[in-house]
Amino acid sequence: MGHEIELAYVGLESTDTAAINRYLGDVIGLMPGQPTSEGHATWRVDDRAQRVVVQPGRRDDAAYLGFEAVDAHAFERIAQRLRDAGAILLAGGAAACQARRVSRMLTTTAPWGVRLELVLGLQQAGTPFHSEFFPEGFVTQAQGFGHAVFVVGTEKGYQASLAFAKALGLKLTDWLDMRGGPAGLHVSFLHCNARHHSLALSFVPIGEVPQALHHINFEVSGVGQVGAAYERVLQARSPLANLIGQHDNDAMVSFYGVSPGGWRIEIGATGRVVDDDWQDIRAYDRISRWGHQPPELLLELQPNIQPEKSTGQKT
């Protein structure tokens, strides 16, 4: 599939960077990268120098989101589309490019409230990717590192966000319409390459959104790796937002963990891919085919079962 951009990286601002870094490394199982020129911790999922950057701050949210153009011509085309759509683009200086490990960068603020960085030439890491937790690696080739989902609290902001994403080069894959339910949820799933969605925008009519980032996703090569990660989260007694399940629209088998910052991480496999002739653009009225239930449901269904104390041995 021909494409112009890929999701390059996400920057996370945290009030407790030590807790976030422990979570990403020990619980989720990402590979540590070299610190940035600013001294911020980085995390890898492939041969690129960094896919996640953690920086200290006064809030727990995404600080920035980077999309990488596939070449200089695509970079200029995307920049012009964004300008034509009314975005004010600022060139990143040498220090900013060094911190992101890119050759060029333009920045603006996306309507969902997070800085958007259009970049070129995200560096390769100096060492091969290796993870004892994910020996088969992650799905990133020609697709970027995964996907990110952001929450928008007003209809005006939601429509502006969709228009911005279109100018950036993303196309609608499908959407989830649950506005008749108690949450009034409507989600647009957007692709820019073969991945079913690199970005999703979730409209919940709550006005001001306390945390823009809902979750980031990492896709692995098989369900076995999802299960191993799920078990690792359980053994770490780390909180879960959703038990393992399979989404209806992208068919991904996954689970959601809750980070110390409150946003989620989804580990999944078997995601659908799109092509240049994608025609299955339609509404879905349910999030999952099965599963993805909140963990509290287990206690509701089995209130008399008490967890046994662990002996540290498996049978």
Protein backbone atom coordinates (compact mmCIF):
# COMPACT_ATOMS: atom_id res chain seq x y z
CA MET A 1 0.00 0.00 0.00
CA GLY A 2 1.34 3.43 -0.92
CA HIS A 3 1.52 5.86 1.97
CA GLU A 4 2.94 9.24 3.01
CA ILE A 5 3.23 9.02 6.78
CA GLU A 6 3.57 6.69 9.74
CA LEU A 7 3.00 7.22 13.45
CA ALA A 8 6.56 7.84 14.63
CA TYR A 9 6.51 8.38 18.40
CA VAL A 10 4.63 9.70 21.39
CA GLY A 11 5.93 11.95 24.14
CA LEU A 12 4.45 11.40 27.58
CA GLU A 13 4.43 14.04 30.29
CA SER A 14 4.36 12.62 33.80
CA THR A 15 4.24 13.79 37.38
CA ASP A 16 6.05 10.57 38.34
CA THR A 17 8.46 9.58 35.59
CA ALA A 18 10.04 6.84 37.69
CA ALA A 19 6.69 5.06 38.01
CA ILE A 20 5.94 5.42 34.29
CA ASN A 21 9.35 4.11 33.30
CA ARG A 22 9.04 1.11 35.63
CA TYR A 23 5.63 0.39 34.14
CA LEU A 24 6.81 0.59 30.53
CA GLY A 25 9.87 -1.54 31.20
CA ASP A 26 8.99 -4.07 33.90
CA VAL A 27 5.25 -4.51 33.32
CA ILE A 28 4.64 -3.78 29.64
CA GLY A 29 8.08 -4.99 28.57
CA LEU A 30 9.34 -2.32 26.16
CA MET A 31 13.06 -2.08 25.42
CA PRO A 32 14.87 0.93 26.93
CA GLY A 33 16.56 3.26 24.46
CA GLN A 34 19.26 5.84 24.93
CA PRO A 35 18.19 8.97 26.86
CA THR A 36 17.49 12.05 24.75
CA SER A 37 19.80 15.04 24.62
CA GLU A 38 17.54 16.53 27.31
CA GLY A 39 18.04 13.49 29.54
CA HIS A 40 14.55 12.04 29.08
CA ALA A 41 14.02 8.27 29.12
CA THR A 42 13.13 6.62 25.82
CA TRP A 43 11.60 3.28 24.88
CA ARG A 44 11.91 1.16 21.76
CA VAL A 45 9.74 -1.43 19.99
CA ASP A 46 11.84 -1.88 16.85
CA ASP A 47 15.04 -0.71 15.17
CA ARG A 48 14.20 3.00 15.53
CA ALA A 49 16.01 5.03 18.18
CA GLN A 50 12.87 5.88 20.15
CA ARG A 51 9.13 5.35 19.97
CA VAL A 52 8.10 6.56 23.44
CA VAL A 53 9.70 9.45 25.34
CA VAL A 54 8.93 10.16 28.99
CA GLN A 55 9.46 13.66 30.34
CA PRO A 56 8.67 15.25 33.72
CA GLY A 57 5.80 17.72 33.96
CA ARG A 58 2.83 18.94 35.92
CA ARG A 59 0.26 16.71 34.27
CA ASP A 60 -0.17 13.10 33.17
CA ASP A 61 -0.94 13.17 29.48
CA ALA A 62 0.54 13.10 26.02
CA ALA A 63 2.90 16.03 25.52
CA TYR A 64 3.32 15.51 21.78
CA LEU A 65 2.66 13.07 18.97
CA GLY A 66 5.03 12.59 16.04
CA PHE A 67 4.15 11.54 12.50
CA GLU A 68 7.02 10.74 10.14
CA ALA A 69 6.83 11.52 6.42
CA VAL A 70 8.25 8.76 4.21
CA ASP A 71 10.39 11.21 2.22
CA ALA A 72 11.09 14.90 1.68
CA HIS A 73 8.44 15.26 -1.03
CA ALA A 74 5.76 13.82 1.25
CA PHE A 75 6.97 16.08 4.06
CA GLU A 76 6.43 19.18 1.90
CA ARG A 77 3.05 18.01 0.60
CA ILE A 78 1.75 17.34 4.10
CA ALA A 79 3.08 20.65 5.40
CA GLN A 80 1.33 22.53 2.61
CA ARG A 81 -1.97 20.73 3.23
CA LEU A 82 -1.80 21.64 6.91
CA ARG A 83 -1.09 25.29 6.07
CA ASP A 84 -3.97 25.31 3.59
CA ALA A 85 -6.20 23.98 6.38
CA GLY A 86 -5.20 26.92 8.59
CA ALA A 87 -2.52 25.32 10.78
CA ILE A 88 0.37 27.50 11.90
CA LEU A 89 3.55 25.46 11.52
CA LEU A 90 6.76 26.27 13.37
CA ALA A 91 10.11 24.85 12.35
CA GLY A 92 11.93 22.82 14.96
CA GLY A 93 15.46 24.04 15.58
CA ALA A 94 18.63 22.00 15.77
CA ALA A 95 18.21 21.27 19.48
CA ALA A 96 14.62 20.10 19.05
CA CYS A 97 15.55 17.86 16.11
CA GLN A 98 18.43 16.43 18.12
CA ALA A 99 16.11 15.63 21.03
CA ARG A 100 13.65 13.84 18.70
CA ARG A 101 16.49 12.26 16.70
CA VAL A 102 15.06 13.47 13.40
CA SER A 103 16.48 15.50 10.52
CA ARG A 104 13.54 17.92 10.11
CA MET A 105 10.54 18.89 12.21
CA LEU A 106 7.51 21.16 11.96
CA THR A 107 5.20 21.60 14.94
CA THR A 108 1.66 22.79 15.51
CA THR A 109 -1.09 22.17 18.04
CA ALA A 110 -3.73 19.66 17.02
CA PRO A 111 -7.36 20.56 17.81
CA TRP A 112 -7.47 17.73 20.37
CA GLY A 113 -5.01 19.74 22.46
CA VAL A 114 -1.70 17.95 21.91
CA ARG A 115 1.34 19.21 20.02
CA LEU A 116 1.64 17.54 16.64
CA GLU A 117 5.12 17.09 15.21
CA LEU A 118 5.59 16.36 11.51
CA VAL A 119 9.08 14.92 11.17
CA LEU A 120 11.47 13.47 8.63
CA GLY A 121 14.27 10.96 9.11
CA LEU A 122 13.65 9.34 12.48
CA GLN A 123 17.02 7.79 13.31
CA GLN A 124 17.82 4.11 13.45
CA ALA A 125 19.03 2.85 16.83
CA GLY A 126 22.69 2.07 17.31
CA THR A 127 21.95 -1.49 18.43
CA PRO A 128 19.54 -4.17 17.16
CA PHE A 129 16.15 -4.46 18.79
CA HIS A 130 15.95 -7.23 21.38
CA SER A 131 13.34 -7.93 24.02
CA GLU A 132 13.15 -10.93 26.31
CA PHE A 133 9.46 -10.13 26.80
CA PHE A 134 8.64 -9.89 23.09
CA PRO A 135 11.25 -12.04 21.31
CA GLU A 136 9.22 -12.01 18.08
CA GLY A 137 9.06 -8.23 18.12
CA PHE A 138 6.33 -5.77 17.29
CA VAL A 139 4.43 -5.02 14.09
CA THR A 140 5.89 -1.73 12.82
CA GLN A 141 7.24 -2.21 9.29
CA ALA A 142 5.72 0.46 6.98
CA GLN A 143 3.01 1.04 9.62
CA GLY A 144 4.64 3.01 12.43
CA PHE A 145 4.72 1.92 16.03
CA GLY A 146 1.00 1.35 16.70
CA HIS A 147 -1.87 3.72 17.30
CA ALA A 148 -2.96 6.49 19.65
CA VAL A 149 -6.47 7.45 20.76
CA PHE A 150 -7.46 10.89 22.01
CA VAL A 151 -10.66 12.14 23.64
CA VAL A 152 -12.43 15.30 22.48
CA GLY A 153 -15.17 16.80 24.63
CA THR A 154 -17.12 19.04 22.21
CA GLU A 155 -18.73 18.55 18.82
CA LYS A 156 -16.90 21.60 17.45
CA GLY A 157 -13.56 20.27 18.65
CA TYR A 158 -14.33 16.85 17.26
CA GLN A 159 -15.12 18.16 13.79
CA ALA A 160 -12.03 20.37 13.83
CA SER A 161 -9.93 17.37 14.87
CA LEU A 162 -11.28 15.28 11.99
CA ALA A 163 -10.55 18.05 9.50
CA PHE A 164 -7.01 18.42 10.85
CA ALA A 165 -6.40 14.66 10.65
CA LYS A 166 -7.60 14.68 7.03
CA ALA A 167 -5.16 17.48 6.17
CA LEU A 168 -2.40 15.50 7.85
CA GLY A 169 -3.14 12.66 5.46
CA LEU A 170 -5.33 10.27 7.42
CA LYS A 171 -8.46 8.69 5.97
CA LEU A 172 -11.55 7.35 7.67
CA THR A 173 -11.46 3.57 8.10
CA ASP A 174 -14.75 3.17 9.97
CA TRP A 175 -16.46 4.54 13.04
CA LEU A 176 -18.13 3.49 16.27
CA ASP A 177 -21.50 5.08 17.00
CA MET A 178 -22.81 4.59 20.52
CA ARG A 179 -24.32 8.04 20.98
CA GLY A 180 -27.57 6.41 22.01
CA GLY A 181 -25.88 4.90 25.07
CA PRO A 182 -25.19 6.46 28.47
CA ALA A 183 -21.72 7.70 27.48
CA GLY A 184 -22.79 9.20 24.15
CA LEU A 185 -19.64 7.79 22.56
CA HIS A 186 -18.64 8.35 18.94
CA VAL A 187 -15.20 7.29 17.68
CA SER A 188 -13.61 7.80 14.26
CA PHE A 189 -10.82 5.39 13.29
CA LEU A 190 -8.31 6.82 10.82
CA HIS A 191 -5.56 5.20 8.77
CA CYS A 192 -2.55 6.52 6.88
CA ASN A 193 -0.98 3.22 5.82
CA ALA A 194 -1.87 -0.49 6.02
CA ARG A 195 -2.61 -0.37 9.77
CA HIS A 196 -6.37 -0.31 10.41
CA HIS A 197 -5.94 2.90 12.38
CA SER A 198 -2.93 4.91 13.45
CA LEU A 199 -5.13 7.52 15.12
CA ALA A 200 -8.59 7.40 16.63
CA LEU A 201 -10.60 10.37 17.87
CA SER A 202 -13.22 9.72 20.52
CA PHE A 203 -15.99 12.24 21.05
CA VAL A 204 -17.56 12.19 24.49
CA PRO A 205 -19.78 15.24 25.23
CA ILE A 206 -18.19 16.27 28.51
CA GLY A 207 -16.86 19.71 27.61
CA GLU A 208 -13.36 20.22 28.97
CA VAL A 209 -11.36 16.97 28.83
CA PRO A 210 -9.18 16.33 31.91
CA GLN A 211 -6.84 13.98 30.00
CA ALA A 212 -6.62 13.99 26.20
CA LEU A 213 -4.77 10.69 25.81
CA HIS A 214 -7.00 7.65 26.22
CA HIS A 215 -4.55 4.96 25.18
CA ILE A 216 -1.62 4.00 23.03
CA ASN A 217 -1.39 0.64 21.30
CA PHE A 218 1.47 -1.70 20.55
CA GLU A 219 0.78 -4.52 18.12
CA VAL A 220 2.63 -7.83 18.49
CA SER A 221 2.93 -10.66 15.98
CA GLY A 222 0.67 -13.23 17.65
CA VAL A 223 -1.97 -13.92 20.26
CA GLY A 224 0.56 -15.91 22.30
CA GLN A 225 2.53 -12.73 22.93
CA VAL A 226 -0.66 -10.95 23.96
CA GLY A 227 -1.36 -13.74 26.45
CA ALA A 228 2.16 -13.62 27.86
CA ALA A 229 1.94 -9.86 28.35
CA TYR A 230 -1.51 -10.24 29.93
CA GLU A 231 -0.14 -12.77 32.41
CA ARG A 232 2.81 -10.51 33.21
CA VAL A 233 0.44 -7.64 34.02
CA LEU A 234 -1.62 -9.93 36.26
CA GLN A 235 1.47 -11.21 38.07
CA ALA A 236 2.64 -7.64 38.64
CA ARG A 237 -0.76 -6.85 40.24
CA SER A 238 -0.90 -3.92 37.85
CA PRO A 239 -4.42 -2.57 37.25
CA LEU A 240 -6.37 -3.52 34.14
CA ALA A 241 -8.92 -1.34 32.39
CA ASN A 242 -10.27 -4.15 30.19
CA LEU A 243 -9.81 -7.89 30.24
CA ILE A 244 -8.71 -9.70 27.10
CA GLY A 245 -11.14 -9.56 24.19
CA GLN A 246 -11.50 -8.95 20.46
CA HIS A 247 -12.63 -5.72 18.86
CA ASP A 248 -15.36 -5.78 16.27
CA ASN A 249 -14.01 -3.36 13.69
CA ASP A 250 -10.26 -4.06 13.60
CA ALA A 251 -10.52 -7.68 14.85
CA MET A 252 -7.62 -7.13 17.24
CA VAL A 253 -7.30 -9.52 20.20
CA SER A 254 -6.04 -7.38 23.05
CA PHE A 255 -6.24 -6.15 26.62
CA TYR A 256 -5.82 -2.75 28.24
CA GLY A 257 -3.60 -1.97 31.20
CA VAL A 258 -3.84 1.21 33.25
CA SER A 259 -0.60 3.16 33.55
CA PRO A 260 0.41 5.05 36.70
CA GLY A 261 -0.54 8.18 34.76
CA GLY A 262 -4.12 7.01 34.24
CA TRP A 263 -3.97 6.60 30.46
CA ARG A 264 -4.10 3.07 29.06
CA ILE A 265 -1.81 0.82 27.06
CA GLU A 266 -3.31 -1.76 24.70
CA ILE A 267 -1.29 -4.81 23.71
CA GLY A 268 -2.88 -6.63 20.77
CA ALA A 269 -2.46 -8.88 17.75
CA THR A 270 -4.36 -9.99 14.62
CA GLY A 271 -5.32 -6.44 13.63
CA ARG A 272 -6.97 -5.96 10.23
CA VAL A 273 -5.03 -4.18 7.53
CA VAL A 274 -6.39 -1.80 4.92
CA ASP A 275 -5.37 -1.23 1.30
CA ASP A 276 -5.70 1.51 -1.29
CA ASP A 277 -9.11 0.15 -2.31
CA TRP A 278 -10.55 0.02 1.22
CA GLN A 279 -14.36 0.04 0.96
CA ASP A 280 -15.51 -1.25 4.34
CA ILE A 281 -16.23 2.24 5.68
CA ARG A 282 -19.18 1.76 7.98
CA ALA A 283 -20.56 2.28 11.46
CA TYR A 284 -20.20 -0.23 14.29
CA ASP A 285 -22.51 -0.25 17.29
CA ARG A 286 -20.37 -2.31 19.65
CA ILE A 287 -16.76 -2.06 20.75
CA SER A 288 -15.98 -5.76 20.91
CA ARG A 289 -17.13 -9.09 19.50
CA TRP A 290 -16.33 -10.67 22.83
CA GLY A 291 -14.49 -9.80 26.02
CA HIS A 292 -12.86 -6.49 26.92
CA GLN A 293 -15.00 -6.47 30.04
CA PRO A 294 -13.96 -4.39 33.05
CA PRO A 295 -12.18 -6.53 35.66
CA GLU A 296 -14.82 -5.63 38.25
CA LEU A 297 -17.24 -7.85 36.34
CA LEU A 298 -15.42 -10.95 37.59
CA LEU A 299 -16.18 -10.05 41.18
CA GLU A 300 -19.80 -9.35 40.31
CA LEU A 301 -20.17 -12.73 38.62
CA GLN A 302 -18.28 -14.67 41.30
CA PRO A 303 -18.72 -12.70 44.54
CA ASN A 304 -18.04 -15.66 46.81
CA ILE A 305 -14.69 -16.61 45.31
CA GLN A 306 -11.74 -15.24 47.25
CA PRO A 307 -8.29 -15.14 45.63
CA GLU A 308 -5.86 -17.66 47.10
CA LYS A 309 -2.55 -16.48 48.46
CA SER A 310 0.20 -17.14 45.99
CA THR A 311 2.85 -19.71 46.87
CA GLY A 312 5.10 -18.49 44.07
CA GLN A 313 4.74 -21.85 42.29
CA LYS A 314 2.77 -22.79 39.21
CA THR A 315 0.96 -26.07 38.85
